[in-house]
Amino acid sequence: MSRLLRRDGALPVPARELIARSADGARIHVEVHGRDGAPAVVLSHGWTCSTHFWAAQVRDLAADHRVVVYDQRGHGRSPAVGREGYSTEALADDLEAVLAATLPPGEKAVVAGHSMGGMTIMAASRRAGLREHAAAVLLCSTGSSRLAAASLVVPVRAGALRTAVTRAILRAKAPLGPVTPVSRRILKYATMGAGSAPDRVDACARIVHACPRGARAPWGHVLAELDLDACVRELHVPTAVIAGTEDRMTPPVHARALAAALPDCLGLTELTGMGHMTPVEAPEAVTAKIRELVTGHLVAGPDAGTDGTAEKEEVA
């Protein structure tokens, strides 16, 4: 049984586990938390993260929702793939596979993505699977193009040098090693607001440092060259956008561009003082927005009941 652990000793949330098979055969680790028949929420994490990134949302939402989380390929418990297996098309394939594996035909869900998880939803905007299953979308701390050019992580003036250095950082193959006070400070500077609580910084550092470099570097190549602007214009689903005002990885300029380009934008929420890791830095705000989308756009299915036990299955 997979569990999202808490340091305060409270009981973890049990999960049903399964393997979704993507279009190229990649195995995607999926967890389903909560009660069968409850309104469905699907959460897609970002680069270098894992299902554990959504721990706060799972703990809150699983009380009255069915919450689906999955590890992007090469992250967490989803195995790495060959060099050709990292692309925005693969992101879309994997999301479609997860939706097909966890939702019956025609069932709707709120689909939320953070950073690369948001890019996953954009990449899938034209896919039949997303259109069938997405009642509403949350794009959280993400962007659709020009990530290296707009990033503020490298503290120099905008231009060719800053873009080149940022691309090199994204593509870096060097191991991160164990979490240390220095690495924790670097991660906080790059990805979180100055006022982020130490325990939340620690949680993000543990998650990011656990990402294998064999997946981190090829996904970094994809992000360095990302261009999903056309896909954003095809996302014909009610979509809310959230951004941290102190986000250096995907500064608010990205969120504002998304809000302007989306065909059915429900509005942009800018979280003052928050950085890139908004679901961890401001979990209450992100969870509240997901609940708002469920209330406004999702009708719960019949209560199918569940015995709460964990299973392991494979979906072809």
C-alpha atoms as a PDB file:
ATOM      1  CA  MET A   1       0.000   0.000   0.000  1.00  0.00           C
ATOM      2  CA  SER A   2       1.307   3.419  -0.912  1.00  0.00           C
ATOM      3  CA  ARG A   3       1.046   6.085   1.773  1.00  0.00           C
ATOM      4  CA  LEU A   4       1.586   9.811   1.940  1.00  0.00           C
ATOM      5  CA  LEU A   5       3.432  10.136   5.223  1.00  0.00           C
ATOM      6  CA  ARG A   6       3.065  12.959   7.699  1.00  0.00           C
ATOM      7  CA  ARG A   7       5.690  14.059  10.175  1.00  0.00           C
ATOM      8  CA  ASP A   8       3.053  14.943  12.781  1.00  0.00           C
ATOM      9  CA  GLY A   9       2.121  11.273  13.219  1.00  0.00           C
ATOM     10  CA  ALA A  10      -1.411  11.532  11.817  1.00  0.00           C
ATOM     11  CA  LEU A  11      -2.686   8.551   9.887  1.00  0.00           C
ATOM     12  CA  PRO A  12      -1.656   8.504   6.230  1.00  0.00           C
ATOM     13  CA  VAL A  13      -4.186   8.257   3.442  1.00  0.00           C
ATOM     14  CA  PRO A  14      -4.550   4.759   1.939  1.00  0.00           C
ATOM     15  CA  ALA A  15      -4.405   4.436  -1.829  1.00  0.00           C
ATOM     16  CA  ARG A  16      -5.397   1.942  -4.474  1.00  0.00           C
ATOM     17  CA  GLU A  17      -2.433   1.532  -6.787  1.00  0.00           C
ATOM     18  CA  LEU A  18      -2.382   0.619 -10.445  1.00  0.00           C
ATOM     19  CA  ILE A  19      -0.147   0.747 -13.493  1.00  0.00           C
ATOM     20  CA  ALA A  20      -1.392   2.634 -16.551  1.00  0.00           C
ATOM     21  CA  ARG A  21       0.181   1.704 -19.876  1.00  0.00           C
ATOM     22  CA  SER A  22       0.966   4.669 -22.097  1.00  0.00           C
ATOM     23  CA  ALA A  23       0.824   4.642 -25.896  1.00  0.00           C
ATOM     24  CA  ASP A  24       4.477   3.572 -26.227  1.00  0.00           C
ATOM     25  CA  GLY A  25       4.181   0.950 -23.495  1.00  0.00           C
ATOM     26  CA  ALA A  26       5.667   3.109 -20.714  1.00  0.00           C
ATOM     27  CA  ARG A  27       4.463   2.093 -17.252  1.00  0.00           C
ATOM     28  CA  ILE A  28       2.908   4.934 -15.256  1.00  0.00           C
ATOM     29  CA  HIS A  29       2.463   4.534 -11.505  1.00  0.00           C
ATOM     30  CA  VAL A  30      -0.977   5.739 -10.396  1.00  0.00           C
ATOM     31  CA  GLU A  31      -2.615   6.105  -6.983  1.00  0.00           C
ATOM     32  CA  VAL A  32      -6.323   6.598  -6.285  1.00  0.00           C
ATOM     33  CA  HIS A  33      -7.199   8.079  -2.895  1.00  0.00           C
ATOM     34  CA  GLY A  34     -10.633   8.463  -1.381  1.00  0.00           C
ATOM     35  CA  ARG A  35     -14.065   6.953  -1.936  1.00  0.00           C
ATOM     36  CA  ASP A  36     -15.344   5.347  -5.121  1.00  0.00           C
ATOM     37  CA  GLY A  37     -18.201   7.369  -6.575  1.00  0.00           C
ATOM     38  CA  ALA A  38     -17.013  10.668  -5.098  1.00  0.00           C
ATOM     39  CA  PRO A  39     -16.239  13.601  -7.408  1.00  0.00           C
ATOM     40  CA  ALA A  40     -12.976  12.920  -9.230  1.00  0.00           C
ATOM     41  CA  VAL A  41      -9.866  15.103  -9.192  1.00  0.00           C
ATOM     42  CA  VAL A  42      -6.741  14.248 -11.224  1.00  0.00           C
ATOM     43  CA  LEU A  43      -3.443  15.878 -10.201  1.00  0.00           C
ATOM     44  CA  SER A  44      -0.354  16.037 -12.437  1.00  0.00           C
ATOM     45  CA  HIS A  45       2.953  17.038 -10.820  1.00  0.00           C
ATOM     46  CA  GLY A  46       5.858  19.004 -12.240  1.00  0.00           C
ATOM     47  CA  TRP A  47       9.468  18.446 -13.237  1.00  0.00           C
ATOM     48  CA  THR A  48      11.607  16.654 -10.609  1.00  0.00           C
ATOM     49  CA  CYS A  49       8.603  15.995  -8.363  1.00  0.00           C
ATOM     50  CA  SER A  50       6.355  12.990  -7.647  1.00  0.00           C
ATOM     51  CA  THR A  51       2.956  12.048  -6.234  1.00  0.00           C
ATOM     52  CA  HIS A  52       4.217  13.193  -2.826  1.00  0.00           C
ATOM     53  CA  PHE A  53       4.220  16.781  -4.075  1.00  0.00           C
ATOM     54  CA  TRP A  54       0.410  16.742  -3.804  1.00  0.00           C
ATOM     55  CA  ALA A  55       0.359  15.366  -0.245  1.00  0.00           C
ATOM     56  CA  ALA A  56      -1.503  18.350   1.242  1.00  0.00           C
ATOM     57  CA  GLN A  57      -4.145  18.285  -1.490  1.00  0.00           C
ATOM     58  CA  VAL A  58      -4.610  14.515  -1.189  1.00  0.00           C
ATOM     59  CA  ARG A  59      -5.011  14.685   2.605  1.00  0.00           C
ATOM     60  CA  ASP A  60      -7.677  17.370   2.311  1.00  0.00           C
ATOM     61  CA  LEU A  61      -9.557  16.334  -0.811  1.00  0.00           C
ATOM     62  CA  ALA A  62      -9.636  12.556  -0.241  1.00  0.00           C
ATOM     63  CA  ALA A  63     -12.103  13.062   2.607  1.00  0.00           C
ATOM     64  CA  ASP A  64     -14.882  13.760   0.092  1.00  0.00           C
ATOM     65  CA  HIS A  65     -13.334  13.319  -3.371  1.00  0.00           C
ATOM     66  CA  ARG A  66     -11.711  10.562  -5.381  1.00  0.00           C
ATOM     67  CA  VAL A  67      -8.188  11.878  -5.949  1.00  0.00           C
ATOM     68  CA  VAL A  68      -5.962  10.460  -8.690  1.00  0.00           C
ATOM     69  CA  VAL A  69      -2.235  11.202  -8.590  1.00  0.00           C
ATOM     70  CA  TYR A  70       0.471   9.720 -10.780  1.00  0.00           C
ATOM     71  CA  ASP A  71       4.219   9.836 -11.276  1.00  0.00           C
ATOM     72  CA  GLN A  72       5.333  11.370 -14.569  1.00  0.00           C
ATOM     73  CA  ARG A  73       7.519   8.931 -16.524  1.00  0.00           C
ATOM     74  CA  GLY A  74      10.985   8.681 -15.000  1.00  0.00           C
ATOM     75  CA  HIS A  75       9.793  10.249 -11.736  1.00  0.00           C
ATOM     76  CA  GLY A  76       8.846   8.555  -8.486  1.00  0.00           C
ATOM     77  CA  ARG A  77       7.719   4.985  -9.154  1.00  0.00           C
ATOM     78  CA  SER A  78       7.237   5.389 -12.918  1.00  0.00           C
ATOM     79  CA  PRO A  79      10.277   3.842 -14.635  1.00  0.00           C
ATOM     80  CA  ALA A  80      12.606   5.770 -16.906  1.00  0.00           C
ATOM     81  CA  VAL A  81      12.260   5.283 -20.657  1.00  0.00           C
ATOM     82  CA  GLY A  82      14.579   5.447 -23.653  1.00  0.00           C
ATOM     83  CA  ARG A  83      15.994   8.710 -24.979  1.00  0.00           C
ATOM     84  CA  GLU A  84      13.163   9.119 -27.485  1.00  0.00           C
ATOM     85  CA  GLY A  85      10.505   8.721 -24.798  1.00  0.00           C
ATOM     86  CA  TYR A  86      10.670  12.263 -23.411  1.00  0.00           C
ATOM     87  CA  SER A  87       8.478  14.781 -25.224  1.00  0.00           C
ATOM     88  CA  THR A  88       5.345  16.831 -24.834  1.00  0.00           C
ATOM     89  CA  GLU A  89       3.534  14.159 -26.856  1.00  0.00           C
ATOM     90  CA  ALA A  90       4.609  11.611 -24.249  1.00  0.00           C
ATOM     91  CA  LEU A  91       3.239  13.855 -21.487  1.00  0.00           C
ATOM     92  CA  ALA A  92      -0.117  13.945 -23.278  1.00  0.00           C
ATOM     93  CA  ASP A  93      -0.036  10.178 -23.914  1.00  0.00           C
ATOM     94  CA  ASP A  94       0.601   9.469 -20.245  1.00  0.00           C
ATOM     95  CA  LEU A  95      -2.214  11.733 -19.056  1.00  0.00           C
ATOM     96  CA  GLU A  96      -4.637  10.094 -21.477  1.00  0.00           C
ATOM     97  CA  ALA A  97      -3.554   6.678 -20.195  1.00  0.00           C
ATOM     98  CA  VAL A  98      -4.124   7.727 -16.584  1.00  0.00           C
ATOM     99  CA  LEU A  99      -7.566   9.144 -17.360  1.00  0.00           C
ATOM    100  CA  ALA A 100      -8.566   5.969 -19.211  1.00  0.00           C
ATOM    101  CA  ALA A 101      -7.262   3.769 -16.389  1.00  0.00           C
ATOM    102  CA  THR A 102      -9.034   5.584 -13.560  1.00  0.00           C
ATOM    103  CA  LEU A 103     -12.232   7.064 -15.001  1.00  0.00           C
ATOM    104  CA  PRO A 104     -15.016   5.102 -16.705  1.00  0.00           C
ATOM    105  CA  PRO A 105     -16.109   6.280 -20.168  1.00  0.00           C
ATOM    106  CA  GLY A 106     -17.762   9.681 -19.990  1.00  0.00           C
ATOM    107  CA  GLU A 107     -16.961  10.414 -16.346  1.00  0.00           C
ATOM    108  CA  LYS A 108     -15.759  13.957 -15.774  1.00  0.00           C
ATOM    109  CA  ALA A 109     -13.041  15.179 -13.421  1.00  0.00           C
ATOM    110  CA  VAL A 110     -11.289  18.359 -12.431  1.00  0.00           C
ATOM    111  CA  VAL A 111      -7.756  18.072 -13.818  1.00  0.00           C
ATOM    112  CA  ALA A 112      -5.022  20.145 -12.158  1.00  0.00           C
ATOM    113  CA  GLY A 113      -1.380  20.430 -13.146  1.00  0.00           C
ATOM    114  CA  HIS A 114       1.580  22.147 -11.537  1.00  0.00           C
ATOM    115  CA  SER A 115       4.486  23.369 -13.711  1.00  0.00           C
ATOM    116  CA  MET A 116       5.278  20.494 -16.105  1.00  0.00           C
ATOM    117  CA  GLY A 117       1.969  18.996 -14.997  1.00  0.00           C
ATOM    118  CA  GLY A 118       0.225  22.084 -16.344  1.00  0.00           C
ATOM    119  CA  MET A 119       2.227  21.732 -19.550  1.00  0.00           C
ATOM    120  CA  THR A 120       0.982  18.141 -19.687  1.00  0.00           C
ATOM    121  CA  ILE A 121      -2.610  19.366 -19.754  1.00  0.00           C
ATOM    122  CA  MET A 122      -1.799  21.946 -22.422  1.00  0.00           C
ATOM    123  CA  ALA A 123      -0.059  19.277 -24.527  1.00  0.00           C
ATOM    124  CA  ALA A 124      -3.199  17.123 -24.275  1.00  0.00           C
ATOM    125  CA  SER A 125      -5.595  19.923 -25.207  1.00  0.00           C
ATOM    126  CA  ARG A 126      -6.460  18.358 -28.572  1.00  0.00           C
ATOM    127  CA  ARG A 127      -6.682  14.809 -27.221  1.00  0.00           C
ATOM    128  CA  ALA A 128     -10.000  12.996 -27.134  1.00  0.00           C
ATOM    129  CA  GLY A 129      -9.240  11.627 -23.670  1.00  0.00           C
ATOM    130  CA  LEU A 130      -8.887  15.034 -22.080  1.00  0.00           C
ATOM    131  CA  ARG A 131     -11.948  16.401 -23.843  1.00  0.00           C
ATOM    132  CA  GLU A 132     -13.959  13.395 -22.702  1.00  0.00           C
ATOM    133  CA  HIS A 133     -12.941  13.549 -19.060  1.00  0.00           C
ATOM    134  CA  ALA A 134     -12.019  17.134 -18.127  1.00  0.00           C
ATOM    135  CA  ALA A 135     -14.874  19.172 -16.654  1.00  0.00           C
ATOM    136  CA  ALA A 136     -12.511  21.966 -15.630  1.00  0.00           C
ATOM    137  CA  VAL A 137      -8.770  22.560 -15.413  1.00  0.00           C
ATOM    138  CA  LEU A 138      -6.389  24.284 -13.011  1.00  0.00           C
ATOM    139  CA  LEU A 139      -3.044  25.458 -14.410  1.00  0.00           C
ATOM    140  CA  CYS A 140      -0.755  26.145 -11.486  1.00  0.00           C
ATOM    141  CA  SER A 141       2.655  27.889 -11.680  1.00  0.00           C
ATOM    142  CA  THR A 142       3.267  27.032 -15.307  1.00  0.00           C
ATOM    143  CA  GLY A 143       3.918  28.426 -18.768  1.00  0.00           C
ATOM    144  CA  SER A 144       3.542  27.431 -22.393  1.00  0.00           C
ATOM    145  CA  SER A 145       6.759  28.678 -24.043  1.00  0.00           C
ATOM    146  CA  ARG A 146       9.965  30.746 -23.658  1.00  0.00           C
ATOM    147  CA  LEU A 147      10.677  29.237 -20.241  1.00  0.00           C
ATOM    148  CA  ALA A 148      14.428  29.818 -20.406  1.00  0.00           C
ATOM    149  CA  ALA A 149      14.108  33.365 -21.738  1.00  0.00           C
ATOM    150  CA  ALA A 150      11.626  34.469 -19.074  1.00  0.00           C
ATOM    151  CA  SER A 151      13.111  32.626 -16.088  1.00  0.00           C
ATOM    152  CA  LEU A 152      14.489  34.798 -13.284  1.00  0.00           C
ATOM    153  CA  VAL A 153      16.538  32.079 -11.572  1.00  0.00           C
ATOM    154  CA  VAL A 154      19.822  33.360 -13.006  1.00  0.00           C
ATOM    155  CA  PRO A 155      20.248  36.828 -11.446  1.00  0.00           C
ATOM    156  CA  VAL A 156      21.492  38.708 -14.509  1.00  0.00           C
ATOM    157  CA  ARG A 157      19.838  41.018 -17.017  1.00  0.00           C
ATOM    158  CA  ALA A 158      17.487  39.447 -19.546  1.00  0.00           C
ATOM    159  CA  GLY A 159      19.181  38.499 -22.792  1.00  0.00           C
ATOM    160  CA  ALA A 160      21.091  35.812 -24.641  1.00  0.00           C
ATOM    161  CA  LEU A 161      23.508  35.075 -21.778  1.00  0.00           C
ATOM    162  CA  ARG A 162      20.790  34.555 -19.174  1.00  0.00           C
ATOM    163  CA  THR A 163      18.785  32.379 -21.561  1.00  0.00           C
ATOM    164  CA  ALA A 164      21.823  30.244 -22.398  1.00  0.00           C
ATOM    165  CA  VAL A 165      22.751  29.732 -18.738  1.00  0.00           C
ATOM    166  CA  THR A 166      19.157  28.868 -17.833  1.00  0.00           C
ATOM    167  CA  ARG A 167      19.006  26.309 -20.645  1.00  0.00           C
ATOM    168  CA  ALA A 168      22.251  24.771 -19.385  1.00  0.00           C
ATOM    169  CA  ILE A 169      20.783  24.481 -15.878  1.00  0.00           C
ATOM    170  CA  LEU A 170      17.639  22.810 -17.205  1.00  0.00           C
ATOM    171  CA  ARG A 171      19.693  20.279 -19.195  1.00  0.00           C
ATOM    172  CA  ALA A 172      22.287  19.581 -16.492  1.00  0.00           C
ATOM    173  CA  LYS A 173      23.102  15.923 -15.850  1.00  0.00           C
ATOM    174  CA  ALA A 174      25.025  16.414 -12.610  1.00  0.00           C
ATOM    175  CA  PRO A 175      23.615  14.482  -9.639  1.00  0.00           C
ATOM    176  CA  LEU A 176      21.946  16.596  -6.959  1.00  0.00           C
ATOM    177  CA  GLY A 177      23.255  14.444  -4.132  1.00  0.00           C
ATOM    178  CA  PRO A 178      21.819  14.466  -0.613  1.00  0.00           C
ATOM    179  CA  VAL A 179      19.925  17.432   0.768  1.00  0.00           C
ATOM    180  CA  THR A 180      22.310  19.761   2.613  1.00  0.00           C
ATOM    181  CA  PRO A 181      21.874  23.221   4.137  1.00  0.00           C
ATOM    182  CA  VAL A 182      23.478  24.730   1.023  1.00  0.00           C
ATOM    183  CA  SER A 183      21.347  22.779  -1.459  1.00  0.00           C
ATOM    184  CA  ARG A 184      18.253  23.616   0.577  1.00  0.00           C
ATOM    185  CA  ARG A 185      19.037  27.333   0.345  1.00  0.00           C
ATOM    186  CA  ILE A 186      19.616  27.070  -3.400  1.00  0.00           C
ATOM    187  CA  LEU A 187      16.337  25.249  -3.925  1.00  0.00           C
ATOM    188  CA  LYS A 188      14.454  27.793  -1.826  1.00  0.00           C
ATOM    189  CA  TYR A 189      15.960  30.685  -3.781  1.00  0.00           C
ATOM    190  CA  ALA A 190      15.134  29.117  -7.153  1.00  0.00           C
ATOM    191  CA  THR A 191      11.694  27.698  -6.476  1.00  0.00           C
ATOM    192  CA  MET A 192      10.068  29.170  -3.364  1.00  0.00           C
ATOM    193  CA  GLY A 193       9.171  32.503  -1.817  1.00  0.00           C
ATOM    194  CA  ALA A 194      11.436  34.113   0.760  1.00  0.00           C
ATOM    195  CA  GLY A 195       8.871  33.585   3.519  1.00  0.00           C
ATOM    196  CA  SER A 196       8.283  29.882   2.874  1.00  0.00           C
ATOM    197  CA  ALA A 197       8.088  27.827   6.044  1.00  0.00           C
ATOM    198  CA  PRO A 198      11.179  25.670   6.736  1.00  0.00           C
ATOM    199  CA  ASP A 199       9.196  22.425   6.853  1.00  0.00           C
ATOM    200  CA  ARG A 200       7.758  23.147   3.407  1.00  0.00           C
ATOM    201  CA  VAL A 201      11.206  23.923   2.042  1.00  0.00           C
ATOM    202  CA  ASP A 202      12.439  20.634   3.501  1.00  0.00           C
ATOM    203  CA  ALA A 203       9.541  18.735   1.913  1.00  0.00           C
ATOM    204  CA  CYS A 204      10.277  20.188  -1.531  1.00  0.00           C
ATOM    205  CA  ALA A 205      13.997  19.559  -1.186  1.00  0.00           C
ATOM    206  CA  ARG A 206      13.451  15.880  -0.343  1.00  0.00           C
ATOM    207  CA  ILE A 207      11.113  15.423  -3.301  1.00  0.00           C
ATOM    208  CA  VAL A 208      13.337  17.208  -5.840  1.00  0.00           C
ATOM    209  CA  HIS A 209      16.566  15.518  -4.715  1.00  0.00           C
ATOM    210  CA  ALA A 210      14.866  12.115  -5.045  1.00  0.00           C
ATOM    211  CA  CYS A 211      14.321  12.633  -8.788  1.00  0.00           C
ATOM    212  CA  PRO A 212      16.774  10.508 -10.814  1.00  0.00           C
ATOM    213  CA  ARG A 213      19.059  12.577 -13.034  1.00  0.00           C
ATOM    214  CA  GLY A 214      18.344  10.096 -15.828  1.00  0.00           C
ATOM    215  CA  ALA A 215      14.859  11.592 -16.049  1.00  0.00           C
ATOM    216  CA  ARG A 216      15.637  15.110 -14.834  1.00  0.00           C
ATOM    217  CA  ALA A 217      18.032  15.944 -17.692  1.00  0.00           C
ATOM    218  CA  PRO A 218      15.932  14.723 -20.657  1.00  0.00           C
ATOM    219  CA  TRP A 219      12.834  16.420 -19.303  1.00  0.00           C
ATOM    220  CA  GLY A 220      14.955  19.544 -18.857  1.00  0.00           C
ATOM    221  CA  HIS A 221      15.776  19.395 -22.574  1.00  0.00           C
ATOM    222  CA  VAL A 222      12.051  19.306 -23.341  1.00  0.00           C
ATOM    223  CA  LEU A 223      11.364  22.297 -21.090  1.00  0.00           C
ATOM    224  CA  ALA A 224      14.246  24.297 -22.569  1.00  0.00           C
ATOM    225  CA  GLU A 225      12.637  24.122 -26.017  1.00  0.00           C
ATOM    226  CA  LEU A 226       8.979  24.144 -24.967  1.00  0.00           C
ATOM    227  CA  ASP A 227       6.403  25.707 -27.274  1.00  0.00           C
ATOM    228  CA  LEU A 228       2.782  24.893 -26.444  1.00  0.00           C
ATOM    229  CA  ASP A 229       1.252  28.249 -27.346  1.00  0.00           C
ATOM    230  CA  ALA A 230      -0.940  26.723 -30.054  1.00  0.00           C
ATOM    231  CA  CYS A 231      -2.125  24.037 -27.635  1.00  0.00           C
ATOM    232  CA  VAL A 232      -3.272  26.666 -25.130  1.00  0.00           C
ATOM    233  CA  ARG A 233      -5.629  28.100 -27.742  1.00  0.00           C
ATOM    234  CA  GLU A 234      -7.138  24.617 -28.178  1.00  0.00           C
ATOM    235  CA  LEU A 235      -7.858  24.051 -24.469  1.00  0.00           C
ATOM    236  CA  HIS A 236     -11.631  24.456 -24.743  1.00  0.00           C
ATOM    237  CA  VAL A 237     -12.314  23.619 -21.091  1.00  0.00           C
ATOM    238  CA  PRO A 238     -13.121  26.072 -18.275  1.00  0.00           C
ATOM    239  CA  THR A 239      -9.650  26.819 -16.896  1.00  0.00           C
ATOM    240  CA  ALA A 240      -8.397  28.672 -13.842  1.00  0.00           C
ATOM    241  CA  VAL A 241      -4.806  29.877 -13.498  1.00  0.00           C
ATOM    242  CA  ILE A 242      -2.736  30.305 -10.322  1.00  0.00           C
ATOM    243  CA  ALA A 243       0.713  31.877  -9.997  1.00  0.00           C
ATOM    244  CA  GLY A 244       3.034  33.006  -7.220  1.00  0.00           C
ATOM    245  CA  THR A 245       4.131  36.619  -7.449  1.00  0.00           C
ATOM    246  CA  GLU A 246       7.699  35.614  -6.480  1.00  0.00           C
ATOM    247  CA  ASP A 247       7.978  32.681  -8.892  1.00  0.00           C
ATOM    248  CA  ARG A 248      11.416  32.734 -10.535  1.00  0.00           C
ATOM    249  CA  MET A 249      10.995  29.503 -12.522  1.00  0.00           C
ATOM    250  CA  THR A 250       7.793  30.494 -14.325  1.00  0.00           C
ATOM    251  CA  PRO A 251       7.268  34.173 -13.473  1.00  0.00           C
ATOM    252  CA  PRO A 252       3.730  35.616 -13.501  1.00  0.00           C
ATOM    253  CA  VAL A 253       4.232  36.870 -17.051  1.00  0.00           C
ATOM    254  CA  HIS A 254       3.510  33.292 -18.128  1.00  0.00           C
ATOM    255  CA  ALA A 255       0.287  33.074 -16.125  1.00  0.00           C
ATOM    256  CA  ARG A 256      -0.928  36.377 -17.529  1.00  0.00           C
ATOM    257  CA  ALA A 257      -0.219  35.190 -21.065  1.00  0.00           C
ATOM    258  CA  LEU A 258      -2.126  31.973 -20.396  1.00  0.00           C
ATOM    259  CA  ALA A 259      -5.094  33.866 -18.982  1.00  0.00           C
ATOM    260  CA  ALA A 260      -5.176  36.045 -22.095  1.00  0.00           C
ATOM    261  CA  ALA A 261      -4.892  33.127 -24.551  1.00  0.00           C
ATOM    262  CA  LEU A 262      -7.190  30.519 -23.008  1.00  0.00           C
ATOM    263  CA  PRO A 263     -10.547  30.187 -24.791  1.00  0.00           C
ATOM    264  CA  ASP A 264     -12.475  29.793 -21.507  1.00  0.00           C
ATOM    265  CA  CYS A 265     -10.400  31.334 -18.727  1.00  0.00           C
ATOM    266  CA  LEU A 266     -12.057  31.485 -15.311  1.00  0.00           C
ATOM    267  CA  GLY A 267      -9.545  34.011 -14.043  1.00  0.00           C
ATOM    268  CA  LEU A 268      -6.000  34.374 -12.741  1.00  0.00           C
ATOM    269  CA  THR A 269      -5.143  34.200  -9.046  1.00  0.00           C
ATOM    270  CA  GLU A 270      -1.764  35.654  -8.082  1.00  0.00           C
ATOM    271  CA  LEU A 271      -0.581  34.520  -4.651  1.00  0.00           C
ATOM    272  CA  THR A 272       1.424  37.286  -3.018  1.00  0.00           C
ATOM    273  CA  GLY A 273       4.875  36.249  -1.821  1.00  0.00           C
ATOM    274  CA  MET A 274       4.635  32.700  -3.131  1.00  0.00           C
ATOM    275  CA  GLY A 275       7.244  31.148  -5.402  1.00  0.00           C
ATOM    276  CA  HIS A 276       7.034  28.311  -7.908  1.00  0.00           C
ATOM    277  CA  MET A 277       5.965  25.520  -5.530  1.00  0.00           C
ATOM    278  CA  THR A 278       2.507  26.941  -4.812  1.00  0.00           C
ATOM    279  CA  PRO A 279       0.721  23.634  -3.960  1.00  0.00           C
ATOM    280  CA  VAL A 280       3.267  23.164  -1.146  1.00  0.00           C
ATOM    281  CA  GLU A 281       3.814  26.828  -0.235  1.00  0.00           C
ATOM    282  CA  ALA A 282       0.118  27.780  -0.263  1.00  0.00           C
ATOM    283  CA  PRO A 283      -1.747  24.456  -0.032  1.00  0.00           C
ATOM    284  CA  GLU A 284      -4.945  25.958   1.349  1.00  0.00           C
ATOM    285  CA  ALA A 285      -5.277  28.366  -1.581  1.00  0.00           C
ATOM    286  CA  VAL A 286      -4.591  25.708  -4.211  1.00  0.00           C
ATOM    287  CA  THR A 287      -6.924  23.184  -2.591  1.00  0.00           C
ATOM    288  CA  ALA A 288      -9.651  25.807  -2.254  1.00  0.00           C
ATOM    289  CA  LYS A 289      -9.396  26.579  -5.978  1.00  0.00           C
ATOM    290  CA  ILE A 290      -9.715  22.868  -6.829  1.00  0.00           C
ATOM    291  CA  ARG A 291     -12.781  22.615  -4.586  1.00  0.00           C
ATOM    292  CA  GLU A 292     -14.240  25.684  -6.267  1.00  0.00           C
ATOM    293  CA  LEU A 293     -13.819  24.062  -9.670  1.00  0.00           C
ATOM    294  CA  VAL A 294     -15.463  20.852  -8.446  1.00  0.00           C
ATOM    295  CA  THR A 295     -18.416  22.773  -7.042  1.00  0.00           C
ATOM    296  CA  GLY A 296     -18.839  24.867 -10.158  1.00  0.00           C
ATOM    297  CA  HIS A 297     -18.211  22.323 -12.913  1.00  0.00           C
ATOM    298  CA  LEU A 298     -18.438  18.740 -11.706  1.00  0.00           C
ATOM    299  CA  VAL A 299     -21.416  16.540 -10.905  1.00  0.00           C
ATOM    300  CA  ALA A 300     -20.623  13.564  -8.656  1.00  0.00           C
ATOM    301  CA  GLY A 301     -21.414  10.105  -9.924  1.00  0.00           C
ATOM    302  CA  PRO A 302     -23.325   7.443  -7.969  1.00  0.00           C
ATOM    303  CA  ASP A 303     -21.759   6.148  -4.766  1.00  0.00           C
ATOM    304  CA  ALA A 304     -20.192   2.851  -5.718  1.00  0.00           C
ATOM    305  CA  GLY A 305     -18.796   2.176  -2.259  1.00  0.00           C
ATOM    306  CA  THR A 306     -15.357   0.819  -1.372  1.00  0.00           C
ATOM    307  CA  ASP A 307     -13.828  -1.386   1.289  1.00  0.00           C
ATOM    308  CA  GLY A 308     -10.776   0.899   1.488  1.00  0.00           C
ATOM    309  CA  THR A 309      -8.282  -1.855   0.793  1.00  0.00           C
ATOM    310  CA  ALA A 310      -5.284  -1.370  -1.445  1.00  0.00           C
ATOM    311  CA  GLU A 311      -4.918  -3.229  -4.702  1.00  0.00           C
ATOM    312  CA  LYS A 312      -2.304  -3.523  -7.402  1.00  0.00           C
ATOM    313  CA  GLU A 313      -3.474  -3.967 -10.962  1.00  0.00           C
ATOM    314  CA  GLU A 314      -2.305  -3.323 -14.479  1.00  0.00           C
ATOM    315  CA  VAL A 315      -4.345  -1.621 -17.155  1.00  0.00           C
ATOM    316  CA  ALA A 316      -3.445  -2.481 -20.730  1.00  0.00           C
END
